[in-house]
PDB file of N, CA and C in Angstrom:
ATOM      1  N   MET A   1     243.560-169.029  83.576  1.00  0.00           N
ATOM      2  CA  MET A   1     242.695-168.187  84.360  1.00  0.00           C
ATOM      3  C   MET A   1     242.486-166.840  83.669  1.00  0.00           C
ATOM      4  N   THR A   2     243.562-166.298  83.091  1.00  0.00           N
ATOM      5  CA  THR A   2     243.416-164.994  82.445  1.00  0.00           C
ATOM      6  C   THR A   2     242.536-165.080  81.202  1.00  0.00           C
ATOM      7  N   CYS A   3     242.601-166.203  80.507  1.00  0.00           N
ATOM      8  CA  CYS A   3     241.737-166.369  79.324  1.00  0.00           C
ATOM      9  C   CYS A   3     240.273-166.419  79.726  1.00  0.00           C
ATOM     10  N   GLU A   4     239.968-167.100  80.831  1.00  0.00           N
ATOM     11  CA  GLU A   4     238.581-167.160  81.330  1.00  0.00           C
ATOM     12  C   GLU A   4     238.102-165.780  81.729  1.00  0.00           C
ATOM     13  N   LEU A   5     238.988-165.022  82.407  1.00  0.00           N
ATOM     14  CA  LEU A   5     238.629-163.669  82.809  1.00  0.00           C
ATOM     15  C   LEU A   5     238.372-162.796  81.588  1.00  0.00           C
ATOM     16  N   GLN A   6     239.214-162.918  80.566  1.00  0.00           N
ATOM     17  CA  GLN A   6     239.021-162.165  79.343  1.00  0.00           C
ATOM     18  C   GLN A   6     237.672-162.500  78.709  1.00  0.00           C
ATOM     19  N   THR A   7     237.354-163.784  78.628  1.00  0.00           N
ATOM     20  CA  THR A   7     236.083-164.219  78.034  1.00  0.00           C
ATOM     21  C   THR A   7     234.895-163.681  78.822  1.00  0.00           C
ATOM     22  N   THR A   8     234.970-163.762  80.142  1.00  0.00           N
ATOM     23  CA  THR A   8     233.882-163.278  80.998  1.00  0.00           C
ATOM     24  C   THR A   8     233.696-161.772  80.853  1.00  0.00           C
ATOM     25  N   LEU A   9     234.796-161.035  80.835  1.00  0.00           N
ATOM     26  CA  LEU A   9     234.692-159.583  80.701  1.00  0.00           C
ATOM     27  C   LEU A   9     234.208-159.180  79.319  1.00  0.00           C
ATOM     28  N   GLU A  10     234.639-159.891  78.285  1.00  0.00           N
ATOM     29  CA  GLU A  10     234.166-159.594  76.936  1.00  0.00           C
ATOM     30  C   GLU A  10     232.660-159.809  76.818  1.00  0.00           C
ATOM     31  N   ALA A  11     232.136-160.806  77.525  1.00  0.00           N
ATOM     32  CA  ALA A  11     230.688-161.053  77.519  1.00  0.00           C
ATOM     33  C   ALA A  11     229.932-159.874  78.125  1.00  0.00           C
ATOM     34  N   SER A  12     230.618-159.123  79.008  1.00  0.00           N
ATOM     35  CA  SER A  12     230.007-157.942  79.623  1.00  0.00           C
ATOM     36  C   SER A  12     230.323-156.664  78.862  1.00  0.00           C
ATOM     37  N   GLY A  13     231.019-156.802  77.716  1.00  0.00           N
ATOM     38  CA  GLY A  13     231.345-155.638  76.902  1.00  0.00           C
ATOM     39  C   GLY A  13     232.609-154.913  77.346  1.00  0.00           C
ATOM     40  N   ILE A  14     233.442-155.570  78.158  1.00  0.00           N
ATOM     41  CA  ILE A  14     234.673-154.946  78.646  1.00  0.00           C
ATOM     42  C   ILE A  14     235.862-155.554  77.902  1.00  0.00           C
ATOM     43  N   GLU A  15     236.677-154.684  77.308  1.00  0.00           N
ATOM     44  CA  GLU A  15     237.870-155.168  76.620  1.00  0.00           C
ATOM     45  C   GLU A  15     239.002-155.312  77.646  1.00  0.00           C
ATOM     46  N   TRP A  16     239.516-156.520  77.765  1.00  0.00           N
ATOM     47  CA  TRP A  16     240.593-156.821  78.712  1.00  0.00           C
ATOM     48  C   TRP A  16     241.482-157.896  78.109  1.00  0.00           C
ATOM     49  N   PRO A  17     242.535-157.507  77.367  1.00  0.00           N
ATOM     50  CA  PRO A  17     243.412-158.498  76.737  1.00  0.00           C
ATOM     51  C   PRO A  17     244.235-159.252  77.788  1.00  0.00           C
ATOM     52  N   ALA A  18     244.065-160.557  77.802  1.00  0.00           N
ATOM     53  CA  ALA A  18     244.708-161.397  78.812  1.00  0.00           C
ATOM     54  C   ALA A  18     246.226-161.349  78.726  1.00  0.00           C
ATOM     55  N   LEU A  19     246.787-161.346  77.530  1.00  0.00           N
ATOM     56  CA  LEU A  19     248.245-161.352  77.401  1.00  0.00           C
ATOM     57  C   LEU A  19     248.886-160.079  77.947  1.00  0.00           C
ATOM     58  N   ARG A  20     248.201-158.975  77.783  1.00  0.00           N
ATOM     59  CA  ARG A  20     248.750-157.694  78.260  1.00  0.00           C
ATOM     60  C   ARG A  20     248.500-157.499  79.751  1.00  0.00           C
ATOM     61  N   ASN A  21     247.493-158.118  80.297  1.00  0.00           N
ATOM     62  CA  ASN A  21     247.110-157.939  81.697  1.00  0.00           C
ATOM     63  C   ASN A  21     247.314-159.215  82.504  1.00  0.00           C
ATOM     64  N   HIS A  22     248.447-159.843  82.314  1.00  0.00           N
ATOM     65  CA  HIS A  22     248.752-161.098  83.001  1.00  0.00           C
ATOM     66  C   HIS A  22     248.663-160.925  84.514  1.00  0.00           C
ATOM     67  N   ILE A  23     248.060-161.870  85.183  1.00  0.00           N
ATOM     68  CA  ILE A  23     247.962-161.864  86.641  1.00  0.00           C
ATOM     69  C   ILE A  23     249.072-162.759  87.181  1.00  0.00           C
ATOM     70  N   PRO A  24     250.000-162.202  87.981  1.00  0.00           N
ATOM     71  CA  PRO A  24     251.101-163.012  88.493  1.00  0.00           C
ATOM     72  C   PRO A  24     250.637-164.099  89.460  1.00  0.00           C
ATOM     73  N   CYS A  25     251.447-165.111  89.580  1.00  0.00           N
ATOM     74  CA  CYS A  25     251.192-166.202  90.507  1.00  0.00           C
ATOM     75  C   CYS A  25     251.117-165.647  91.933  1.00  0.00           C
ATOM     76  N   MET A  26     250.119-166.051  92.687  1.00  0.00           N
ATOM     77  CA  MET A  26     249.917-165.536  94.037  1.00  0.00           C
ATOM     78  C   MET A  26     251.109-165.832  94.949  1.00  0.00           C
ATOM     79  N   VAL A  27     251.721-166.984  94.799  1.00  0.00           N
ATOM     80  CA  VAL A  27     252.870-167.328  95.629  1.00  0.00           C
ATOM     81  C   VAL A  27     254.024-166.365  95.360  1.00  0.00           C
ATOM     82  N   HIS A  28     254.225-165.994  94.106  1.00  0.00           N
ATOM     83  CA  HIS A  28     255.278-165.048  93.763  1.00  0.00           C
ATOM     84  C   HIS A  28     254.974-163.673  94.334  1.00  0.00           C
ATOM     85  N   VAL A  29     253.722-163.265  94.293  1.00  0.00           N
ATOM     86  CA  VAL A  29     253.317-161.983  94.870  1.00  0.00           C
ATOM     87  C   VAL A  29     253.602-161.973  96.370  1.00  0.00           C
ATOM     88  N   ILE A  30     253.287-163.073  97.052  1.00  0.00           N
ATOM     89  CA  ILE A  30     253.554-163.173  98.491  1.00  0.00           C
ATOM     90  C   ILE A  30     255.060-163.104  98.756  1.00  0.00           C
ATOM     91  N   GLN A  31     255.852-163.811  97.949  1.00  0.00           N
ATOM     92  CA  GLN A  31     257.304-163.790  98.113  1.00  0.00           C
ATOM     93  C   GLN A  31     257.850-162.371  97.962  1.00  0.00           C
ATOM     94  N   LEU A  32     257.416-161.652  96.945  1.00  0.00           N
ATOM     95  CA  LEU A  32     257.879-160.282  96.736  1.00  0.00           C
ATOM     96  C   LEU A  32     257.443-159.367  97.875  1.00  0.00           C
ATOM     97  N   SER A  33     256.210-159.546  98.349  1.00  0.00           N
ATOM     98  CA  SER A  33     255.697-158.732  99.454  1.00  0.00           C
ATOM     99  C   SER A  33     256.486-158.985 100.729  1.00  0.00           C
ATOM    100  N   LEU A  34     256.754-160.252 101.035  1.00  0.00           N
ATOM    101  CA  LEU A  34     257.523-160.582 102.231  1.00  0.00           C
ATOM    102  C   LEU A  34     258.946-160.060 102.134  1.00  0.00           C
ATOM    103  N   GLY A  35     259.529-160.133 100.940  1.00  0.00           N
ATOM    104  CA  GLY A  35     260.870-159.594 100.750  1.00  0.00           C
ATOM    105  C   GLY A  35     260.923-158.101 101.025  1.00  0.00           C
ATOM    106  N   ALA A  36     259.941-157.362 100.529  1.00  0.00           N
ATOM    107  CA  ALA A  36     259.883-155.924 100.759  1.00  0.00           C
ATOM    108  C   ALA A  36     259.645-155.625 102.239  1.00  0.00           C
ATOM    109  N   PHE A  37     258.788-156.406 102.877  1.00  0.00           N
ATOM    110  CA  PHE A  37     258.496-156.226 104.303  1.00  0.00           C
ATOM    111  C   PHE A  37     259.744-156.479 105.140  1.00  0.00           C
ATOM    112  N   MET A  38     260.435-157.593 104.872  1.00  0.00           N
ATOM    113  CA  MET A  38     261.635-157.926 105.628  1.00  0.00           C
ATOM    114  C   MET A  38     262.718-156.866 105.409  1.00  0.00           C
ATOM    115  N   SER A  39     262.813-156.363 104.202  1.00  0.00           N
ATOM    116  CA  SER A  39     263.788-155.316 103.902  1.00  0.00           C
ATOM    117  C   SER A  39     263.468-154.045 104.687  1.00  0.00           C
ATOM    118  N   SER A  40     262.181-153.711 104.796  1.00  0.00           N
ATOM    119  CA  SER A  40     261.791-152.514 105.549  1.00  0.00           C
ATOM    120  C   SER A  40     262.102-152.656 107.032  1.00  0.00           C
ATOM    121  N   LEU A  41     262.143-153.896 107.534  1.00  0.00           N
ATOM    122  CA  LEU A  41     262.505-154.141 108.930  1.00  0.00           C
ATOM    123  C   LEU A  41     264.016-154.180 109.127  1.00  0.00           C
ATOM    124  N   GLY A  42     264.752-154.206 108.029  1.00  0.00           N
ATOM    125  CA  GLY A  42     266.203-154.266 108.098  1.00  0.00           C
ATOM    126  C   GLY A  42     266.751-155.671 108.233  1.00  0.00           C
ATOM    127  N   VAL A  43     265.925-156.674 107.956  1.00  0.00           N
ATOM    128  CA  VAL A  43     266.363-158.058 108.034  1.00  0.00           C
ATOM    129  C   VAL A  43     267.140-158.388 106.769  1.00  0.00           C
ATOM    130  N   LYS A  44     268.323-158.939 106.957  1.00  0.00           N
ATOM    131  CA  LYS A  44     269.139-159.299 105.796  1.00  0.00           C
ATOM    132  C   LYS A  44     268.991-160.778 105.520  1.00  0.00           C
ATOM    133  N   GLY A  45     268.910-161.113 104.251  1.00  0.00           N
ATOM    134  CA  GLY A  45     268.799-162.510 103.842  1.00  0.00           C
ATOM    135  C   GLY A  45     270.162-163.164 103.787  1.00  0.00           C
ATOM    136  N   ARG A  46     270.167-164.378 103.303  1.00  0.00           N
ATOM    137  CA  ARG A  46     271.429-165.099 103.149  1.00  0.00           C
ATOM    138  C   ARG A  46     272.285-164.393 102.115  1.00  0.00           C
ATOM    139  N   THR A  47     273.562-164.260 102.439  1.00  0.00           N
ATOM    140  CA  THR A  47     274.464-163.593 101.508  1.00  0.00           C
ATOM    141  C   THR A  47     275.378-164.580 100.799  1.00  0.00           C
ATOM    142  N   LYS A  48     275.425-165.819 101.282  1.00  0.00           N
ATOM    143  CA  LYS A  48     276.282-166.830 100.667  1.00  0.00           C
ATOM    144  C   LYS A  48     275.441-167.820  99.879  1.00  0.00           C
ATOM    145  N   SER A  49     276.026-168.312  98.828  1.00  0.00           N
ATOM    146  CA  SER A  49     275.368-169.369  98.085  1.00  0.00           C
ATOM    147  C   SER A  49     275.493-170.668  98.869  1.00  0.00           C
ATOM    148  N   TRP A  50     274.695-171.633  98.509  1.00  0.00           N
ATOM    149  CA  TRP A  50     274.751-172.941  99.157  1.00  0.00           C
ATOM    150  C   TRP A  50     276.143-173.539  99.001  1.00  0.00           C
ATOM    151  N   GLU A  51     276.731-173.412  97.810  1.00  0.00           N
ATOM    152  CA  GLU A  51     278.054-173.967  97.564  1.00  0.00           C
ATOM    153  C   GLU A  51     279.105-173.318  98.456  1.00  0.00           C
ATOM    154  N   ALA A  52     279.049-171.999  98.624  1.00  0.00           N
ATOM    155  CA  ALA A  52     280.014-171.303  99.475  1.00  0.00           C
ATOM    156  C   ALA A  52     279.857-171.739 100.920  1.00  0.00           C
ATOM    157  N   HIS A  53     278.629-171.905 101.355  1.00  0.00           N
ATOM    158  CA  HIS A  53     278.384-172.362 102.726  1.00  0.00           C
ATOM    159  C   HIS A  53     278.956-173.757 102.938  1.00  0.00           C
ATOM    160  N   GLU A  54     278.745-174.656 101.997  1.00  0.00           N
ATOM    161  CA  GLU A  54     279.279-176.019 102.100  1.00  0.00           C
ATOM    162  C   GLU A  54     280.803-176.010 102.086  1.00  0.00           C
ATOM    163  N   ARG A  55     281.385-175.162 101.267  1.00  0.00           N
ATOM    164  CA  ARG A  55     282.850-175.065 101.194  1.00  0.00           C
ATOM    165  C   ARG A  55     283.399-174.561 102.527  1.00  0.00           C
ATOM    166  N   ASP A  56     282.733-173.575 103.126  1.00  0.00           N
ATOM    167  CA  ASP A  56     283.161-173.061 104.420  1.00  0.00           C
ATOM    168  C   ASP A  56     283.083-174.135 105.496  1.00  0.00           C
ATOM    169  N   GLN A  57     282.032-174.932 105.447  1.00  0.00           N
ATOM    170  CA  GLN A  57     281.879-176.005 106.427  1.00  0.00           C
ATOM    171  C   GLN A  57     282.983-177.048 106.268  1.00  0.00           C
ATOM    172  N   GLN A  58     283.369-177.317 105.035  1.00  0.00           N
ATOM    173  CA  GLN A  58     284.359-178.354 104.773  1.00  0.00           C
ATOM    174  C   GLN A  58     285.786-177.870 105.049  1.00  0.00           C
ATOM    175  N   PHE A  59     286.125-176.640 104.622  1.00  0.00           N
ATOM    176  CA  PHE A  59     287.501-176.169 104.696  1.00  0.00           C
ATOM    177  C   PHE A  59     287.735-175.097 105.749  1.00  0.00           C
ATOM    178  N   GLY A  60     286.711-174.648 106.384  1.00  0.00           N
ATOM    179  CA  GLY A  60     286.862-173.566 107.359  1.00  0.00           C
ATOM    180  C   GLY A  60     286.547-172.236 106.723  1.00  0.00           C
ATOM    181  N   GLU A  61     285.924-171.371 107.466  1.00  0.00           N
ATOM    182  CA  GLU A  61     285.424-170.108 106.927  1.00  0.00           C
ATOM    183  C   GLU A  61     286.531-169.195 106.435  1.00  0.00           C
ATOM    184  N   ASN A  62     287.683-169.159 107.085  1.00  0.00           N
ATOM    185  CA  ASN A  62     288.755-168.249 106.698  1.00  0.00           C
ATOM    186  C   ASN A  62     289.358-168.599 105.351  1.00  0.00           C
ATOM    187  N   GLU A  63     289.483-169.872 105.054  1.00  0.00           N
ATOM    188  CA  GLU A  63     290.089-170.264 103.784  1.00  0.00           C
ATOM    189  C   GLU A  63     289.266-169.815 102.591  1.00  0.00           C
ATOM    190  N   SER A  64     287.942-169.834 102.716  1.00  0.00           N
ATOM    191  CA  SER A  64     287.110-169.443 101.578  1.00  0.00           C
ATOM    192  C   SER A  64     287.183-167.950 101.309  1.00  0.00           C
ATOM    193  N   THR A  65     287.468-167.148 102.351  1.00  0.00           N
ATOM    194  CA  THR A  65     287.550-165.702 102.148  1.00  0.00           C
ATOM    195  C   THR A  65     288.901-165.292 101.596  1.00  0.00           C
ATOM    196  N   ASP A  66     289.912-166.174 101.648  1.00  0.00           N
ATOM    197  CA  ASP A  66     291.236-165.862 101.138  1.00  0.00           C
ATOM    198  C   ASP A  66     291.388-166.161  99.657  1.00  0.00           C
ATOM    199  N   ILE A  67     290.360-166.678  99.018  1.00  0.00           N
ATOM    200  CA  ILE A  67     290.439-167.005  97.602  1.00  0.00           C
ATOM    201  C   ILE A  67     290.565-165.711  96.805  1.00  0.00           C
ATOM    202  N   GLY A  68     291.524-165.671  95.891  1.00  0.00           N
ATOM    203  CA  GLY A  68     291.730-164.482  95.084  1.00  0.00           C
ATOM    204  C   GLY A  68     290.656-164.294  94.050  1.00  0.00           C
ATOM    205  N   LYS A  69     290.531-163.075  93.553  1.00  0.00           N
ATOM    206  CA  LYS A  69     289.509-162.776  92.551  1.00  0.00           C
ATOM    207  C   LYS A  69     289.717-163.587  91.275  1.00  0.00           C
ATOM    208  N   SER A  70     290.948-163.921  90.959  1.00  0.00           N
ATOM    209  CA  SER A  70     291.199-164.660  89.736  1.00  0.00           C
ATOM    210  C   SER A  70     290.658-166.094  89.806  1.00  0.00           C
ATOM    211  N   GLN A  71     290.455-166.602  91.025  1.00  0.00           N
ATOM    212  CA  GLN A  71     289.946-167.959  91.180  1.00  0.00           C
ATOM    213  C   GLN A  71     288.433-168.000  91.261  1.00  0.00           C
ATOM    214  N   ARG A  72     287.794-166.858  91.439  1.00  0.00           N
ATOM    215  CA  ARG A  72     286.335-166.816  91.536  1.00  0.00           C
ATOM    216  C   ARG A  72     285.721-166.837  90.158  1.00  0.00           C
ATOM    217  N   LEU A  73     284.547-167.419  90.059  1.00  0.00           N
ATOM    218  CA  LEU A  73     283.836-167.453  88.777  1.00  0.00           C
ATOM    219  C   LEU A  73     282.966-166.256  88.612  1.00  0.00           C
TER     220      LEU A  73
END
């Protein structure tokens, strides 16, 4: 898409290098915008990884918090 935009703008006499002016994926832009919006509302996201959540479900939440720093990766 950026190459087409560069070609179209060059035909109009406008210099617009596609590599330097990359247009981000719209889905990523939406994700970043929603993250900033949720943060402004004070909404906190997940703080545990999927693996930690599964471990807590299997062994109980207290056991996973008692793991020493030397055992963590």
